[in-house]
Amino acid sequence: MTPGQGDEQRVRWIVRLGALVIRALASTWRYRVVNAEAVASQRAQGKPIILALWHGQMLVPLWHHRDQDIGILISEHRDGEIIAQIAESLRLHTVRGSTSRGGGRALIGLVRALSEGHDVAITPDGPRGPAGSFAPGALVAAQRSGAPIIAIGVHAPRAWRLQSWDRFVIPKPFSRVHIAYSDPAYVEAATPREAAGEAPRFQQLMNDAVARAEG
């Protein structure tokens, strides 16, 4: 076995184990959901949406929205490959790249998915932070596509928090998790460059969604 084949085999095992653990753990969670109609109303009208969620809180909403034909932006670094394969095992489809590094291709993929009627999920503080800081990539995708952004806040009172840059949250078995959605918000800028200037407004949208989840 070559070193490359060994790495691929390790990744496969990590993906299988990770998917198994997530399914076993997440199937025990109980939900409190606030403003779910924000998503339902857009879908009832056949309008694709951009779901914005903090990187450290992604596990809960991605599981909650599994099997819903959502595209998720995942970085191309090695950890991203593992996350991408686990996401695909949950029947999410992936767009590879970063809105900050190699962003052009990633943005094209996001806008294409939206134009085809797919919802997409973006972590606006990913892939490397700073945590809780709204980078402009999601805003550019929203400006180009005309799709609204719905912020997702998550609160898990009983959870493990990893010692990673994003303090990644893993709710404990049989715990209650809280998910809050903002109302749909549109980027008003006329150009992608101007869209970046709206980051403070969407930063507040994210903060408010988290506060509603915690309330």
Protein backbone atom coordinates (compact mmCIF):
# COMPACT_ATOMS: atom_id res chain seq x y z
CA MET A 1 0.00 0.00 0.00
CA THR A 2 1.39 3.39 -0.98
CA PRO A 3 1.32 6.36 1.46
CA GLY A 4 -1.39 7.98 -0.66
CA GLN A 5 -3.55 4.87 -0.54
CA GLY A 6 -3.05 4.67 3.21
CA ASP A 7 -4.25 8.25 3.63
CA GLU A 8 -7.33 7.56 1.50
CA GLN A 9 -8.15 4.48 3.54
CA ARG A 10 -7.83 6.44 6.80
CA VAL A 11 -10.14 9.13 5.45
CA ARG A 12 -12.72 6.49 4.48
CA TRP A 13 -12.65 5.01 7.97
CA ILE A 14 -12.91 8.44 9.60
CA VAL A 15 -15.87 9.30 7.37
CA ARG A 16 -17.67 6.02 8.12
CA LEU A 17 -17.08 6.34 11.85
CA GLY A 18 -17.97 10.04 11.88
CA ALA A 19 -21.22 9.49 9.99
CA LEU A 20 -22.15 6.58 12.27
CA VAL A 21 -21.47 8.58 15.45
CA ILE A 22 -23.38 11.62 14.17
CA ARG A 23 -26.42 9.54 13.22
CA ALA A 24 -26.45 7.71 16.55
CA LEU A 25 -25.99 10.89 18.58
CA ALA A 26 -28.22 13.25 16.62
CA SER A 27 -31.14 10.83 16.52
CA THR A 28 -31.50 11.36 20.29
CA TRP A 29 -31.72 15.16 20.24
CA ARG A 30 -34.96 16.97 21.02
CA TYR A 31 -35.69 20.27 19.27
CA ARG A 32 -37.14 23.64 20.08
CA VAL A 33 -37.46 25.56 16.80
CA VAL A 34 -38.22 29.27 16.54
CA ASN A 35 -39.58 30.87 13.34
CA ALA A 36 -39.38 27.76 11.16
CA GLU A 37 -42.04 29.37 8.98
CA ALA A 38 -39.39 31.74 7.61
CA VAL A 39 -37.88 28.82 5.71
CA ALA A 40 -41.20 27.12 4.95
CA SER A 41 -42.74 30.23 3.38
CA GLN A 42 -39.81 30.72 0.99
CA ARG A 43 -39.90 27.09 -0.05
CA ALA A 44 -43.66 27.20 -0.56
CA GLN A 45 -43.06 29.98 -3.08
CA GLY A 46 -40.31 27.99 -4.79
CA LYS A 47 -37.67 30.55 -3.80
CA PRO A 48 -34.16 29.28 -2.98
CA ILE A 49 -32.53 30.64 0.17
CA ILE A 50 -29.08 31.06 1.67
CA LEU A 51 -28.88 29.62 5.18
CA ALA A 52 -26.14 31.36 7.19
CA LEU A 53 -24.79 29.56 10.26
CA TRP A 54 -21.70 29.99 12.37
CA HIS A 55 -18.99 27.41 11.73
CA GLY A 56 -18.94 26.19 15.32
CA GLN A 57 -22.71 25.63 15.31
CA MET A 58 -23.02 23.86 11.96
CA LEU A 59 -23.62 20.31 13.21
CA VAL A 60 -27.15 20.84 14.53
CA PRO A 61 -28.69 22.68 11.53
CA LEU A 62 -27.00 20.44 8.98
CA TRP A 63 -28.43 17.38 10.69
CA HIS A 64 -31.81 19.08 11.08
CA HIS A 65 -31.86 19.86 7.33
CA ARG A 66 -30.49 16.52 6.12
CA ASP A 67 -32.23 14.97 3.11
CA GLN A 68 -33.44 18.43 1.99
CA ASP A 69 -31.30 18.87 -1.13
CA ILE A 70 -29.22 21.67 0.38
CA GLY A 71 -25.80 22.57 -0.98
CA ILE A 72 -23.17 23.42 1.61
CA LEU A 73 -19.95 25.33 0.99
CA ILE A 74 -17.00 23.37 2.38
CA SER A 75 -13.35 24.34 2.17
CA GLU A 76 -10.82 22.36 0.15
CA HIS A 77 -8.31 21.69 2.94
CA ARG A 78 -7.90 18.15 4.29
CA ASP A 79 -10.36 18.56 7.16
CA GLY A 80 -12.82 19.91 4.61
CA GLU A 81 -12.56 16.70 2.59
CA ILE A 82 -13.62 14.67 5.61
CA ILE A 83 -16.49 17.07 6.39
CA ALA A 84 -17.58 17.00 2.74
CA GLN A 85 -17.78 13.22 2.64
CA ILE A 86 -19.70 13.08 5.92
CA ALA A 87 -22.08 15.77 4.62
CA GLU A 88 -22.66 13.79 1.43
CA SER A 89 -23.45 10.71 3.51
CA LEU A 90 -26.24 12.82 5.05
CA ARG A 91 -27.51 13.55 1.51
CA LEU A 92 -26.28 17.11 1.45
CA HIS A 93 -24.49 18.12 -1.73
CA THR A 94 -21.27 20.07 -1.44
CA VAL A 95 -19.70 23.06 -3.14
CA ARG A 96 -15.97 22.98 -2.57
CA GLY A 97 -13.89 26.08 -1.97
CA SER A 98 -13.80 29.09 0.29
CA THR A 99 -15.36 32.50 -0.15
CA SER A 100 -12.07 33.95 1.06
CA ARG A 101 -9.55 31.64 -0.63
CA GLY A 102 -10.23 30.41 -4.15
CA GLY A 103 -13.45 32.31 -3.74
CA GLY A 104 -14.30 32.85 -7.39
CA ARG A 105 -14.96 29.20 -8.14
CA ALA A 106 -16.82 28.70 -4.88
CA LEU A 107 -19.08 31.69 -5.52
CA ILE A 108 -19.82 30.51 -9.05
CA GLY A 109 -20.83 27.12 -7.64
CA LEU A 110 -23.08 28.70 -5.02
CA VAL A 111 -24.79 31.02 -7.48
CA ARG A 112 -25.28 28.13 -9.92
CA ALA A 113 -26.87 25.99 -7.20
CA LEU A 114 -29.22 28.83 -6.27
CA SER A 115 -30.15 29.45 -9.91
CA GLU A 116 -31.05 25.77 -10.21
CA GLY A 117 -33.46 26.14 -7.29
CA HIS A 118 -31.32 24.61 -4.53
CA ASP A 119 -31.00 26.11 -1.07
CA VAL A 120 -27.41 26.58 0.07
CA ALA A 121 -25.77 26.81 3.49
CA ILE A 122 -22.76 29.00 4.21
CA THR A 123 -20.66 29.48 7.33
CA PRO A 124 -19.78 33.18 7.00
CA ASP A 125 -16.98 32.92 9.57
CA GLY A 126 -15.40 29.82 7.96
CA PRO A 127 -13.19 28.10 7.20
CA ARG A 128 -10.64 29.60 9.62
CA GLY A 129 -12.33 32.49 11.37
CA PRO A 130 -12.30 34.69 13.22
CA ALA A 131 -15.22 32.95 14.86
CA GLY A 132 -18.47 34.85 14.79
CA SER A 133 -17.29 37.39 12.22
CA PHE A 134 -19.44 37.78 9.09
CA ALA A 135 -17.18 37.67 6.02
CA PRO A 136 -18.59 39.07 2.73
CA GLY A 137 -18.74 35.85 0.67
CA ALA A 138 -22.36 35.06 1.54
CA LEU A 139 -23.33 38.64 0.75
CA VAL A 140 -21.77 38.47 -2.71
CA ALA A 141 -23.60 35.20 -3.42
CA ALA A 142 -26.86 36.80 -2.27
CA GLN A 143 -26.27 39.92 -4.37
CA ARG A 144 -25.49 37.96 -7.51
CA SER A 145 -28.34 35.48 -7.12
CA GLY A 146 -31.03 37.70 -5.63
CA ALA A 147 -31.67 35.03 -2.98
CA PRO A 148 -32.44 36.09 0.59
CA ILE A 149 -30.28 35.16 3.57
CA ILE A 150 -31.86 33.47 6.58
CA ALA A 151 -29.61 33.44 9.65
CA ILE A 152 -29.64 30.39 11.91
CA GLY A 153 -28.83 30.58 15.59
CA VAL A 154 -28.20 27.48 17.68
CA HIS A 155 -28.11 26.95 21.43
CA ALA A 156 -27.27 23.66 23.13
CA PRO A 157 -27.25 24.00 26.93
CA ARG A 158 -25.76 20.52 27.33
CA ALA A 159 -22.94 20.11 24.85
CA TRP A 160 -19.29 19.37 24.35
CA ARG A 161 -17.26 22.27 22.98
CA LEU A 162 -14.08 21.35 21.17
CA GLN A 163 -10.82 23.21 21.75
CA SER A 164 -10.83 24.46 18.17
CA TRP A 165 -10.82 28.01 16.79
CA ASP A 166 -14.61 27.91 16.43
CA ARG A 167 -15.35 26.12 19.73
CA PHE A 168 -17.28 23.51 17.72
CA VAL A 169 -20.50 22.50 19.50
CA ILE A 170 -21.58 18.86 19.82
CA PRO A 171 -24.80 18.47 21.82
CA LYS A 172 -24.78 15.60 24.28
CA PRO A 173 -27.06 12.57 23.91
CA PHE A 174 -30.76 13.14 24.63
CA SER A 175 -30.22 16.87 25.10
CA ARG A 176 -32.56 19.62 23.94
CA VAL A 177 -31.22 21.83 21.18
CA HIS A 178 -32.64 25.20 20.20
CA ILE A 179 -32.71 26.48 16.61
CA ALA A 180 -33.87 29.98 15.68
CA TYR A 181 -34.31 31.37 12.17
CA SER A 182 -34.29 35.03 11.21
CA ASP A 183 -36.76 36.42 8.72
CA PRO A 184 -35.44 36.48 5.14
CA ALA A 185 -33.12 39.45 4.51
CA TYR A 186 -31.99 40.68 1.11
CA VAL A 187 -28.72 42.30 0.13
CA GLU A 188 -29.64 45.72 -1.22
CA ALA A 189 -26.31 46.60 -2.86
CA ALA A 190 -26.16 47.05 -6.63
CA THR A 191 -22.69 45.49 -7.01
CA PRO A 192 -20.70 42.71 -5.30
CA ARG A 193 -18.17 45.28 -4.06
CA GLU A 194 -20.90 47.30 -2.39
CA ALA A 195 -22.42 44.13 -0.91
CA ALA A 196 -19.45 43.73 1.43
CA GLY A 197 -20.45 46.99 3.09
CA GLU A 198 -23.63 45.36 4.37
CA ALA A 199 -21.71 42.92 6.59
CA PRO A 200 -22.54 44.78 9.86
CA ARG A 201 -26.29 44.43 9.18
CA PHE A 202 -25.99 40.69 8.62
CA GLN A 203 -23.61 40.31 11.56
CA GLN A 204 -26.42 41.71 13.70
CA LEU A 205 -28.91 39.36 12.01
CA MET A 206 -26.74 36.40 13.07
CA ASN A 207 -26.31 37.73 16.60
CA ASP A 208 -30.06 38.23 16.95
CA ALA A 209 -30.76 34.67 15.74
CA VAL A 210 -28.35 33.26 18.31
CA ALA A 211 -29.97 35.39 21.03
CA ARG A 212 -33.42 34.08 20.03
CA ALA A 213 -32.13 30.51 20.22
CA GLU A 214 -30.76 31.20 23.70
CA GLY A 215 -33.95 32.93 24.86
